[in-house]
Amino acid sequence: RLSLLPRKAIPGAQMILKNRTYRGSGPVLLLDSAVNTVNGTSASPITVRAQNPGRALIIGNGTQGQVARLRVDWWIIEDLRIENVNNSGYRGSEAAVLRCTQCNHVVIRGNIMRNPNAWGNSAAVSITGTNNLIEDNDILRFHRNGLELFGAGTKNNVVRGNYVGQTVNRLYYAPGAPNDGFVAYNSPNNIWENNIFEQTGSPGGSTASDGFVAWASGNKYYGNISIGATNNAMVLVSKGSTTVGANSYIVRDQVSIGMRQFGLYLRSPINTDVRGFTAHSSRTPNRGLVLTDGDGAPSTSAIVRNMMLIDTTGASSSAIDSLSLSHSHEWGAS
C-alpha cells in the first residue's frame, strides 16, 4: 500500500514499487514532510522508483487532489507511471497528475505522467520550490499547461530532456483556452534545456498552444525544440498576470518548426539575448521572429544573432529602443 510507503522513509532509503496498479482518490502518493514523512539529505536522498520503468502505475479517479502530491526536500521520484482520469464530477483546479509544492532539491526523472482530469483547470505537472531537477519525463495528454514552474519563490530549477505532447481539449473549464507546453509562471532564474514540445492529438475548437512561455526574469533556454504549435512556438514577455518587468532572457540554439503563428515572439524584451535561433515553416504563413512593445516597457532591448528563418514571412520589429540583429539569414520568405 502506498499509504505505508512514507512511514518507511529515512534518509538514504530506496523504496521500490512492484509491477502493478495502485489506485485511489485524492493524492494516491502523498509525500509531505510536515504531515507523513521526512526529508532526505544532500548526502542521503530518499528514492521512490519502479521495479521496472513504467510498470508501476499510480492512477487517480479524477476527484479533488493530485494523483501525486509532494512537499519534501532531497527526494528522487523515478521511472513511475502516474495518471489521472477524466471525471465530470470535479471541475476545480487541483486534479493535476503531479504537484510538487515547496519542494527543494527534488529529482523527478524518467516518469510517464499523463491525463490530468480534463474537466478541471489543472496543469499536468506543477512545481514550486528551488533547486529541483525535472529530467527525461514524458508528459502526455495534457490540457492547460504541460509542465509549469509557478511563483516568485520558484527559482534555480533545471528542466531538462523532457517531452511534452498529445494536447487535449478541456471539457468544461474554458474549453477553448490555451494548452501551453513549458511555462515559467512568474518563476525566475531557471534553466530549460533540450526539451521537446510537440502539438499532437486533437485539441479541438479554438484551442491554441504555445510551446515555451515565460513571464519571469532570468530564464535560460538551451537547445529546445517546438514542433507544430497551434499558436506561437516560443513567447517571452516582460509583463504577465503576476509579473511586471521580466527581463534578461537568454535563448541559445532554439528550434521552432511548423508553428501556426510566430517562431519566437519577444513582447517588450528587456535585455534579451538570442543566439542560434531557427524557425521553419509557419503554417499561416506568419513571422519567424516578432519583437513588439506590447507590454509597454519603459525601455526595450534585444540582441539577435545567428538566426535562420525558412519558409516564414520573415522578421518584424516595432517600438524596440535598442536592437542588434546580425549574422542571420532568411530563405523562402513569402
Protein backbone atom coordinates (compact mmCIF):
# COMPACT_ATOMS: atom_id res chain seq x y z
CA ARG A 1 0.00 0.00 0.00
CA LEU A 2 1.33 3.45 -0.93
CA SER A 3 -0.06 4.84 2.34
CA LEU A 4 2.56 2.76 4.16
CA LEU A 5 5.41 3.94 1.98
CA PRO A 6 6.11 7.35 3.65
CA ARG A 7 6.38 5.74 7.09
CA LYS A 8 9.32 3.68 5.93
CA ALA A 9 11.24 6.72 4.70
CA ILE A 10 14.57 7.51 6.28
CA PRO A 11 17.47 9.38 4.65
CA GLY A 12 19.11 7.09 2.12
CA ALA A 13 16.13 4.72 1.83
CA GLN A 14 15.19 3.25 -1.56
CA MET A 15 11.56 2.18 -1.94
CA ILE A 16 10.76 0.11 -4.99
CA LEU A 17 7.22 -0.18 -6.34
CA LYS A 18 6.42 -3.55 -7.86
CA ASN A 19 4.80 -4.08 -11.26
CA ARG A 20 1.14 -3.41 -10.51
CA THR A 21 -1.57 -0.73 -10.48
CA TYR A 22 -2.01 1.48 -7.42
CA ARG A 23 -5.43 3.17 -7.37
CA GLY A 24 -7.06 5.75 -5.14
CA SER A 25 -8.74 9.13 -4.77
CA GLY A 26 -7.10 12.40 -3.88
CA PRO A 27 -3.35 12.02 -3.66
CA VAL A 28 -2.65 8.33 -4.20
CA LEU A 29 1.01 9.09 -3.49
CA LEU A 30 1.34 11.70 -0.72
CA LEU A 31 4.82 12.67 0.47
CA ASP A 32 4.71 15.64 2.84
CA SER A 33 7.45 16.22 5.39
CA ALA A 34 5.04 18.26 7.50
CA VAL A 35 2.41 15.51 7.58
CA ASN A 36 3.53 11.95 6.95
CA THR A 37 7.21 11.59 6.12
CA VAL A 38 10.71 13.07 6.46
CA ASN A 39 13.16 14.89 4.23
CA GLY A 40 16.26 13.32 2.79
CA THR A 41 19.66 14.97 2.91
CA SER A 42 22.16 16.06 0.29
CA ALA A 43 24.32 13.02 1.08
CA SER A 44 21.39 10.62 1.55
CA PRO A 45 18.37 11.43 -0.63
CA ILE A 46 15.28 9.21 -0.40
CA THR A 47 14.26 7.35 -3.57
CA VAL A 48 10.94 6.03 -4.82
CA ARG A 49 11.22 4.17 -8.11
CA ALA A 50 9.55 1.48 -10.15
CA GLN A 51 10.93 -2.03 -10.14
CA ASN A 52 10.76 -1.80 -13.93
CA PRO A 53 10.39 1.57 -15.68
CA GLY A 54 6.76 2.39 -16.44
CA ARG A 55 5.38 -0.83 -14.93
CA ALA A 56 4.26 0.67 -11.61
CA LEU A 57 1.07 2.59 -12.47
CA ILE A 58 -0.28 5.10 -9.95
CA ILE A 59 -3.75 6.24 -11.04
CA GLY A 60 -6.33 8.58 -9.53
CA ASN A 61 -10.06 8.77 -10.06
CA GLY A 62 -10.30 12.41 -11.16
CA THR A 63 -11.62 13.78 -7.87
CA GLN A 64 -10.10 16.65 -5.92
CA GLY A 65 -6.43 16.24 -5.20
CA GLN A 66 -3.46 15.46 -7.38
CA VAL A 67 -2.53 11.86 -8.08
CA ALA A 68 0.95 12.52 -6.64
CA ARG A 69 1.49 15.40 -4.19
CA LEU A 70 4.93 16.18 -2.80
CA ARG A 71 6.26 18.64 -0.25
CA VAL A 72 9.71 17.35 0.57
CA ASP A 73 13.42 18.05 0.22
CA TRP A 74 16.07 15.72 -1.22
CA TRP A 75 13.80 13.04 -2.69
CA ILE A 76 14.05 11.21 -6.03
CA ILE A 77 10.91 10.09 -7.91
CA GLU A 78 11.95 7.83 -10.77
CA ASP A 79 10.55 5.59 -13.53
CA LEU A 80 6.91 5.67 -12.37
CA ARG A 81 3.79 5.92 -14.49
CA ILE A 82 1.36 8.42 -12.96
CA GLU A 83 -2.08 9.15 -14.44
CA ASN A 84 -5.44 10.68 -13.68
CA VAL A 85 -8.80 10.13 -15.42
CA ASN A 86 -11.46 12.47 -16.75
CA ASN A 87 -14.23 12.89 -14.18
CA SER A 88 -17.06 15.38 -14.74
CA GLY A 89 -17.84 15.30 -11.02
CA TYR A 90 -14.81 17.50 -10.28
CA ARG A 91 -14.29 20.84 -12.03
CA GLY A 92 -11.77 22.61 -9.81
CA SER A 93 -8.08 23.37 -10.15
CA GLU A 94 -6.50 20.56 -8.14
CA ALA A 95 -6.67 17.48 -10.34
CA ALA A 96 -3.16 17.50 -11.78
CA VAL A 97 -1.07 14.40 -12.28
CA LEU A 98 1.81 15.59 -10.10
CA ARG A 99 2.09 18.63 -7.86
CA CYS A 100 5.36 19.41 -6.09
CA THR A 101 4.76 22.23 -3.59
CA GLN A 102 7.63 23.98 -1.82
CA CYS A 103 9.95 21.20 -2.94
CA ASN A 104 13.70 21.71 -2.77
CA HIS A 105 16.44 19.52 -4.28
CA VAL A 106 13.87 17.02 -5.58
CA VAL A 107 14.63 14.93 -8.68
CA ILE A 108 11.69 13.88 -10.88
CA ARG A 109 13.20 11.66 -13.54
CA GLY A 110 12.15 9.18 -16.20
CA ASN A 111 8.44 9.15 -15.36
CA ILE A 112 5.44 8.88 -17.67
CA MET A 113 2.83 11.40 -16.46
CA ARG A 114 -0.42 11.76 -18.37
CA ASN A 115 -4.04 12.84 -18.43
CA PRO A 116 -4.91 15.38 -15.73
CA ASN A 117 -8.70 15.48 -15.32
CA ALA A 118 -9.79 17.44 -18.40
CA TRP A 119 -12.94 18.65 -16.62
CA GLY A 120 -10.76 20.69 -14.28
CA ASN A 121 -8.34 23.59 -14.57
CA SER A 122 -5.11 21.74 -13.86
CA ALA A 123 -1.68 21.55 -15.39
CA ALA A 124 -0.29 18.06 -15.86
CA VAL A 125 2.80 18.78 -13.73
CA SER A 126 3.17 21.82 -11.48
CA ILE A 127 6.32 22.63 -9.49
CA THR A 128 7.09 25.22 -6.82
CA GLY A 129 10.36 25.43 -4.92
CA THR A 130 14.07 25.66 -5.61
CA ASN A 131 16.97 23.64 -6.99
CA ASN A 132 14.79 20.84 -8.36
CA LEU A 133 15.68 18.72 -11.39
CA ILE A 134 12.87 17.65 -13.72
CA GLU A 135 14.52 15.37 -16.25
CA ASP A 136 13.70 12.88 -19.03
CA ASN A 137 9.96 12.66 -18.34
CA ASP A 138 7.14 12.11 -20.85
CA ILE A 139 4.14 14.35 -20.16
CA LEU A 140 1.21 13.28 -22.30
CA ARG A 141 -2.48 14.02 -22.96
CA PHE A 142 -2.50 17.28 -21.07
CA HIS A 143 -4.60 20.42 -21.08
CA ARG A 144 -3.95 23.87 -19.59
CA ASN A 145 -0.15 23.58 -19.15
CA GLY A 146 2.10 20.58 -19.64
CA LEU A 147 4.89 21.42 -17.20
CA GLU A 148 4.80 24.64 -15.22
CA LEU A 149 7.15 26.29 -12.75
CA PHE A 150 4.97 28.54 -10.64
CA GLY A 151 5.56 31.51 -8.36
CA ALA A 152 8.24 34.05 -7.49
CA GLY A 153 9.89 31.70 -4.99
CA THR A 154 10.33 29.02 -7.63
CA LYS A 155 13.86 29.50 -8.94
CA ASN A 156 17.15 27.80 -9.78
CA ASN A 157 15.39 24.73 -11.16
CA VAL A 158 16.58 22.71 -14.16
CA VAL A 159 14.04 21.30 -16.64
CA ARG A 160 15.98 19.03 -19.00
CA GLY A 161 15.29 16.42 -21.65
CA ASN A 162 11.50 16.25 -21.20
CA TYR A 163 8.90 15.55 -23.87
CA VAL A 164 5.52 17.29 -23.68
CA GLY A 165 2.88 16.36 -26.23
CA GLN A 166 -0.58 15.00 -27.04
CA THR A 167 -2.65 18.01 -26.08
CA VAL A 168 -6.38 17.51 -25.46
CA ASN A 169 -9.23 19.99 -25.19
CA ARG A 170 -10.57 20.91 -21.78
CA LEU A 171 -14.05 19.52 -21.33
CA TYR A 172 -15.51 22.16 -19.02
CA TYR A 173 -13.22 24.89 -17.73
CA ALA A 174 -12.70 27.40 -20.58
CA PRO A 175 -12.56 24.62 -23.19
CA GLY A 176 -11.05 26.88 -25.86
CA ALA A 177 -8.27 28.27 -23.66
CA PRO A 178 -4.58 27.58 -24.35
CA ASN A 179 -2.72 24.32 -23.84
CA ASP A 180 0.85 25.54 -23.38
CA GLY A 181 3.80 23.17 -23.14
CA PHE A 182 6.57 24.51 -20.86
CA VAL A 183 5.64 27.52 -18.72
CA ALA A 184 7.68 29.76 -16.40
CA TYR A 185 4.84 31.38 -14.48
CA ASN A 186 6.47 34.25 -12.54
CA SER A 187 9.36 31.91 -11.63
CA PRO A 188 12.81 33.46 -12.18
CA ASN A 189 16.28 32.12 -12.94
CA ASN A 190 15.51 28.63 -14.21
CA ILE A 191 17.20 26.59 -16.94
CA TRP A 192 15.21 24.86 -19.72
CA GLU A 193 17.45 22.54 -21.70
CA ASN A 194 16.94 20.05 -24.55
CA ASN A 195 13.18 19.75 -24.09
CA ILE A 196 10.70 18.96 -26.86
CA PHE A 197 7.15 20.27 -27.20
CA GLU A 198 5.03 18.63 -29.89
CA GLN A 199 1.50 19.64 -30.80
CA THR A 200 -0.17 16.31 -31.42
CA GLY A 201 -3.60 14.89 -30.67
CA SER A 202 -6.91 16.72 -31.11
CA PRO A 203 -7.03 19.90 -29.01
CA GLY A 204 -10.30 20.92 -30.66
CA GLY A 205 -12.05 24.19 -31.39
CA SER A 206 -10.07 27.38 -30.97
CA THR A 207 -7.58 25.84 -28.55
CA ALA A 208 -4.15 27.38 -29.07
CA SER A 209 -0.85 26.07 -27.78
CA ASP A 210 2.41 27.91 -27.23
CA GLY A 211 5.42 25.64 -26.96
CA PHE A 212 7.54 27.61 -24.47
CA VAL A 213 6.14 30.53 -22.45
CA ALA A 214 7.65 32.74 -19.77
CA TRP A 215 6.87 35.87 -17.83
CA ALA A 216 9.75 35.67 -15.37
CA SER A 217 13.23 37.19 -15.30
CA GLY A 218 16.46 35.36 -15.96
CA ASN A 219 15.09 32.18 -17.54
CA LYS A 220 17.57 30.49 -19.86
CA TYR A 221 16.71 28.25 -22.82
CA TYR A 222 19.26 25.92 -24.40
CA GLY A 223 18.64 23.58 -27.31
CA ASN A 224 14.85 23.24 -27.04
CA ILE A 225 12.55 22.24 -29.89
CA SER A 226 8.92 23.19 -30.57
CA ILE A 227 7.02 21.24 -33.25
CA GLY A 228 3.62 22.17 -34.65
CA ALA A 229 2.46 24.66 -32.01
CA THR A 230 -1.06 25.84 -32.83
CA ASN A 231 -0.11 29.33 -31.69
CA ASN A 232 3.47 30.52 -31.14
CA ALA A 233 6.45 28.24 -30.73
CA MET A 234 8.02 30.47 -28.07
CA VAL A 235 6.74 33.57 -26.23
CA LEU A 236 8.88 35.57 -23.79
CA VAL A 237 7.13 38.56 -22.23
CA SER A 238 8.01 41.26 -19.72
CA LYS A 239 4.54 41.55 -18.19
CA GLY A 240 2.18 38.70 -17.32
CA SER A 241 -0.70 38.24 -14.92
CA THR A 242 1.66 38.24 -11.93
CA THR A 243 4.88 39.80 -13.26
CA VAL A 244 5.97 43.25 -14.38
CA GLY A 245 9.35 43.97 -15.94
CA ALA A 246 10.59 40.42 -16.50
CA ASN A 247 13.99 40.71 -18.14
CA SER A 248 17.28 39.09 -19.12
CA TYR A 249 16.02 36.08 -21.06
CA ILE A 250 18.72 34.01 -22.73
CA VAL A 251 17.94 31.79 -25.74
CA ARG A 252 20.52 29.52 -27.36
CA ASP A 253 20.02 27.11 -30.27
CA GLN A 254 16.22 27.09 -30.09
CA VAL A 255 14.34 25.44 -32.98
CA SER A 256 10.73 26.19 -33.97
CA ILE A 257 9.10 24.01 -36.64
CA GLY A 258 5.63 24.11 -38.17
CA MET A 259 4.06 26.64 -35.79
CA ARG A 260 0.82 28.35 -36.75
CA GLN A 261 1.89 31.84 -35.69
CA PHE A 262 5.34 33.09 -34.65
CA GLY A 263 8.53 31.11 -34.20
CA LEU A 264 9.76 33.48 -31.47
CA TYR A 265 7.70 36.31 -30.03
CA LEU A 266 9.56 38.78 -27.81
CA ARG A 267 6.96 41.02 -26.17
CA SER A 268 8.60 44.10 -24.68
CA PRO A 269 12.03 42.43 -24.37
CA ILE A 270 14.34 43.87 -21.72
CA ASN A 271 17.97 42.79 -22.11
CA THR A 272 17.04 39.66 -24.08
CA ASP A 273 19.90 37.75 -25.74
CA VAL A 274 19.03 35.32 -28.57
CA ARG A 275 21.78 33.43 -30.41
CA GLY A 276 21.35 30.44 -32.67
CA PHE A 277 17.61 30.51 -33.37
CA THR A 278 15.91 28.65 -36.24
CA ALA A 279 12.28 28.93 -37.37
CA HIS A 280 10.99 26.70 -40.16
CA SER A 281 7.59 26.73 -41.87
CA SER A 282 4.95 28.85 -40.27
CA ARG A 283 1.66 27.35 -41.42
CA THR A 284 -0.44 30.54 -41.69
CA PRO A 285 2.11 31.75 -43.01
CA ASN A 286 3.44 34.13 -40.36
CA ARG A 287 6.59 35.61 -38.91
CA GLY A 288 9.63 33.68 -37.82
CA LEU A 289 10.56 36.42 -35.32
CA VAL A 290 8.46 39.25 -33.87
CA LEU A 291 9.50 41.95 -31.41
CA THR A 292 6.94 44.46 -30.11
CA ASP A 293 6.42 46.67 -27.08
CA GLY A 294 3.05 45.10 -26.34
CA ASP A 295 3.63 45.29 -22.58
CA GLY A 296 4.61 48.96 -22.62
CA ALA A 297 8.02 48.54 -21.02
CA PRO A 298 9.81 51.87 -20.35
CA SER A 299 12.91 50.65 -22.18
CA THR A 300 13.23 47.67 -24.55
CA SER A 301 16.38 45.99 -25.81
CA ALA A 302 17.38 42.76 -27.53
CA ILE A 303 20.27 41.06 -29.29
CA VAL A 304 19.53 38.52 -32.04
CA ARG A 305 22.46 36.73 -33.70
CA ASN A 306 22.86 33.64 -35.89
CA MET A 307 19.16 33.39 -36.73
CA MET A 308 17.85 31.33 -39.65
CA LEU A 309 14.28 31.75 -40.94
CA ILE A 310 12.98 29.30 -43.55
CA ASP A 311 9.54 29.47 -45.22
CA THR A 312 8.12 32.15 -42.95
CA THR A 313 7.21 35.78 -43.63
CA GLY A 314 10.46 36.88 -42.04
CA ALA A 315 11.12 39.12 -39.05
CA SER A 316 9.30 42.15 -37.72
CA SER A 317 10.29 44.69 -35.07
CA SER A 318 8.36 47.70 -33.75
CA ALA A 319 8.91 50.14 -30.87
CA ILE A 320 12.13 48.46 -29.70
CA ASP A 321 14.56 51.02 -28.31
CA SER A 322 17.75 49.04 -28.84
CA LEU A 323 18.02 46.09 -31.24
CA SER A 324 21.11 44.36 -32.57
CA LEU A 325 20.33 41.93 -35.41
CA SER A 326 23.32 40.28 -37.09
CA HIS A 327 24.73 37.18 -38.78
CA SER A 328 21.25 36.00 -39.76
CA HIS A 329 19.70 34.53 -42.89
CA GLU A 330 16.31 34.05 -44.48
CA TRP A 331 15.09 31.68 -47.20
CA GLY A 332 11.72 31.28 -48.86
CA ALA A 333 10.09 34.34 -47.36
CA SER A 334 6.50 34.65 -48.58
